[in-house]
């Protein structure tokens, strides 16, 4: 099974996060697990990121959160 999302699926997930919604998987419709990604100490700039993962189909994507 292909776990990588298509560009359109990625766009839909990023749009949902940008709009402040908890997205459902664009592939299978299941609620996605969400996990904050802590900043790395070896990187000079800080990004707020969230890891989205679908437990049903295995899709996964890390998105930058709006500031």
N, C-alpha and C. Protein backbone atom coordinates (compact mmCIF):
# COMPACT_ATOMS: atom_id res chain seq x y z
N UNK A 1 0.84 -1.18 0.00
CA UNK A 1 0.00 0.00 0.00
C UNK A 1 0.89 1.24 0.00
N UNK A 2 0.56 2.21 -0.82
CA UNK A 2 1.32 3.46 -0.90
C UNK A 2 0.98 4.35 0.28
N UNK A 3 1.98 4.66 1.09
CA UNK A 3 1.75 5.47 2.29
C UNK A 3 1.95 6.95 2.03
N UNK A 4 2.63 7.31 0.96
CA UNK A 4 2.86 8.72 0.65
C UNK A 4 1.59 9.33 0.08
N UNK A 5 1.29 10.53 0.55
CA UNK A 5 0.11 11.23 0.03
C UNK A 5 0.43 11.89 -1.30
N UNK A 6 -0.58 12.03 -2.14
CA UNK A 6 -0.41 12.76 -3.40
C UNK A 6 -0.29 14.25 -3.08
N UNK A 7 0.10 15.03 -4.05
CA UNK A 7 0.21 16.49 -3.85
C UNK A 7 -1.13 17.09 -3.45
N UNK A 8 -2.21 16.63 -4.07
CA UNK A 8 -3.54 17.16 -3.72
C UNK A 8 -3.92 16.79 -2.29
N UNK A 9 -3.60 15.57 -1.88
CA UNK A 9 -3.89 15.14 -0.51
C UNK A 9 -3.07 15.96 0.50
N UNK A 10 -1.80 16.19 0.18
CA UNK A 10 -0.95 17.00 1.06
C UNK A 10 -1.50 18.42 1.17
N UNK A 11 -1.92 18.97 0.05
CA UNK A 11 -2.49 20.33 0.03
C UNK A 11 -3.72 20.41 0.93
N UNK A 12 -4.58 19.40 0.86
CA UNK A 12 -5.79 19.37 1.67
C UNK A 12 -5.45 19.31 3.16
N UNK A 13 -4.45 18.51 3.52
CA UNK A 13 -4.04 18.42 4.92
C UNK A 13 -3.44 19.73 5.40
N UNK A 14 -2.58 20.34 4.60
CA UNK A 14 -1.97 21.62 5.00
C UNK A 14 -3.03 22.71 5.14
N UNK A 15 -3.99 22.72 4.24
CA UNK A 15 -5.07 23.71 4.30
C UNK A 15 -5.86 23.56 5.59
N UNK A 16 -6.19 22.33 5.94
CA UNK A 16 -6.96 22.08 7.17
C UNK A 16 -6.18 22.56 8.40
N UNK A 17 -4.90 22.27 8.46
CA UNK A 17 -4.08 22.69 9.60
C UNK A 17 -3.98 24.21 9.64
N UNK A 18 -3.77 24.84 8.50
CA UNK A 18 -3.67 26.30 8.43
C UNK A 18 -4.97 26.95 8.89
N UNK A 19 -6.10 26.32 8.61
CA UNK A 19 -7.41 26.85 9.00
C UNK A 19 -7.77 26.48 10.44
N UNK A 20 -6.87 25.77 11.13
CA UNK A 20 -7.10 25.42 12.53
C UNK A 20 -7.99 24.22 12.75
N UNK A 21 -8.21 23.43 11.71
CA UNK A 21 -9.05 22.23 11.84
C UNK A 21 -8.19 21.00 12.07
N UNK A 22 -8.75 20.01 12.76
CA UNK A 22 -8.10 18.71 12.89
C UNK A 22 -8.52 17.89 11.67
N UNK A 23 -7.58 17.61 10.78
CA UNK A 23 -7.97 16.98 9.51
C UNK A 23 -8.26 15.48 9.64
N UNK A 24 -9.13 15.03 8.76
CA UNK A 24 -9.33 13.60 8.55
C UNK A 24 -8.44 13.21 7.38
N UNK A 25 -8.12 11.93 7.30
CA UNK A 25 -7.28 11.45 6.21
C UNK A 25 -7.98 11.68 4.88
N UNK A 26 -7.31 12.36 3.94
CA UNK A 26 -7.94 12.61 2.64
C UNK A 26 -8.07 11.35 1.79
N UNK A 27 -7.38 10.30 2.17
CA UNK A 27 -7.41 9.06 1.41
C UNK A 27 -8.53 8.13 1.88
N UNK A 28 -8.67 7.95 3.20
CA UNK A 28 -9.64 6.96 3.68
C UNK A 28 -10.70 7.56 4.60
N UNK A 29 -10.54 8.83 5.01
CA UNK A 29 -11.55 9.50 5.82
C UNK A 29 -11.43 9.28 7.32
N UNK A 30 -10.45 8.51 7.77
CA UNK A 30 -10.29 8.25 9.21
C UNK A 30 -9.73 9.48 9.92
N UNK A 31 -10.03 9.61 11.21
CA UNK A 31 -9.43 10.67 12.01
C UNK A 31 -7.93 10.42 12.09
N UNK A 32 -7.15 11.49 11.98
CA UNK A 32 -5.70 11.35 11.97
C UNK A 32 -5.13 11.55 13.37
N UNK A 33 -4.10 10.77 13.69
CA UNK A 33 -3.34 10.98 14.92
C UNK A 33 -2.49 12.22 14.70
N UNK A 34 -2.39 13.06 15.74
CA UNK A 34 -1.61 14.29 15.63
C UNK A 34 -0.59 14.32 16.75
N UNK A 35 0.62 14.69 16.40
CA UNK A 35 1.69 14.78 17.38
C UNK A 35 2.55 16.01 17.09
N UNK A 36 2.81 16.80 18.11
CA UNK A 36 3.70 17.94 17.95
C UNK A 36 5.12 17.42 17.76
N UNK A 37 5.87 18.06 16.88
CA UNK A 37 7.27 17.69 16.64
C UNK A 37 8.13 18.72 17.36
N UNK A 38 8.87 18.32 18.38
CA UNK A 38 9.69 19.29 19.11
C UNK A 38 10.81 19.83 18.24
N UNK A 39 11.18 21.11 18.46
CA UNK A 39 12.29 21.67 17.67
C UNK A 39 13.60 20.95 17.99
N UNK A 40 14.45 20.87 16.99
CA UNK A 40 15.74 20.24 17.17
C UNK A 40 16.74 21.26 17.72
N UNK A 41 17.53 20.87 18.70
CA UNK A 41 18.49 21.82 19.28
C UNK A 41 19.64 22.18 18.34
N UNK A 42 19.89 21.38 17.32
CA UNK A 42 21.00 21.65 16.41
C UNK A 42 20.60 22.53 15.23
N UNK A 43 19.36 23.04 15.22
CA UNK A 43 18.88 23.90 14.14
C UNK A 43 18.71 25.31 14.69
N UNK A 44 19.29 26.30 14.00
CA UNK A 44 19.28 27.68 14.49
C UNK A 44 17.89 28.31 14.48
N UNK A 45 17.05 27.95 13.56
CA UNK A 45 15.71 28.53 13.49
C UNK A 45 14.72 27.52 14.09
N UNK A 46 13.61 28.03 14.56
CA UNK A 46 12.62 27.17 15.21
C UNK A 46 11.37 27.12 14.36
N UNK A 47 10.91 25.93 14.10
CA UNK A 47 9.65 25.73 13.39
C UNK A 47 8.69 25.01 14.33
N UNK A 48 7.44 25.39 14.24
CA UNK A 48 6.42 24.61 14.93
C UNK A 48 5.87 23.63 13.89
N UNK A 49 5.95 22.35 14.22
CA UNK A 49 5.52 21.34 13.26
C UNK A 49 4.60 20.34 13.94
N UNK A 50 3.77 19.72 13.11
CA UNK A 50 2.88 18.67 13.59
C UNK A 50 2.99 17.49 12.65
N UNK A 51 3.06 16.31 13.25
CA UNK A 51 3.10 15.07 12.47
C UNK A 51 1.69 14.52 12.43
N UNK A 52 1.17 14.33 11.23
CA UNK A 52 -0.16 13.76 11.01
C UNK A 52 0.03 12.34 10.50
N UNK A 53 -0.69 11.40 11.13
CA UNK A 53 -0.56 10.01 10.72
C UNK A 53 -1.92 9.34 10.77
N UNK A 54 -2.22 8.57 9.74
CA UNK A 54 -3.47 7.83 9.68
C UNK A 54 -3.20 6.39 10.11
N UNK A 55 -3.86 5.97 11.19
CA UNK A 55 -3.67 4.61 11.69
C UNK A 55 -4.34 3.58 10.78
N UNK A 56 -5.34 4.00 10.03
CA UNK A 56 -6.05 3.05 9.17
C UNK A 56 -5.26 2.70 7.91
N UNK A 57 -4.84 3.72 7.15
CA UNK A 57 -4.17 3.43 5.88
C UNK A 57 -2.65 3.64 5.92
N UNK A 58 -2.14 4.22 7.02
CA UNK A 58 -0.71 4.38 7.16
C UNK A 58 -0.13 5.64 6.54
N UNK A 59 -0.98 6.53 6.01
CA UNK A 59 -0.49 7.78 5.44
C UNK A 59 0.13 8.65 6.53
N UNK A 60 1.14 9.44 6.16
CA UNK A 60 1.86 10.23 7.14
C UNK A 60 2.39 11.50 6.48
N UNK A 61 2.36 12.61 7.24
CA UNK A 61 2.85 13.89 6.72
C UNK A 61 3.21 14.78 7.89
N UNK A 62 4.34 15.49 7.78
CA UNK A 62 4.72 16.51 8.75
C UNK A 62 4.41 17.86 8.11
N UNK A 63 3.67 18.70 8.85
CA UNK A 63 3.30 20.02 8.33
C UNK A 63 3.82 21.10 9.26
N UNK A 64 4.22 22.23 8.68
CA UNK A 64 4.59 23.40 9.46
C UNK A 64 3.32 24.08 9.93
N UNK A 65 3.26 24.47 11.19
CA UNK A 65 2.09 25.15 11.73
C UNK A 65 2.22 26.65 11.49
N UNK A 66 1.11 27.33 11.30
CA UNK A 66 1.17 28.78 11.13
C UNK A 66 1.64 29.43 12.43
N UNK A 67 2.34 30.52 12.29
CA UNK A 67 2.85 31.24 13.48
C UNK A 67 1.80 32.10 14.10
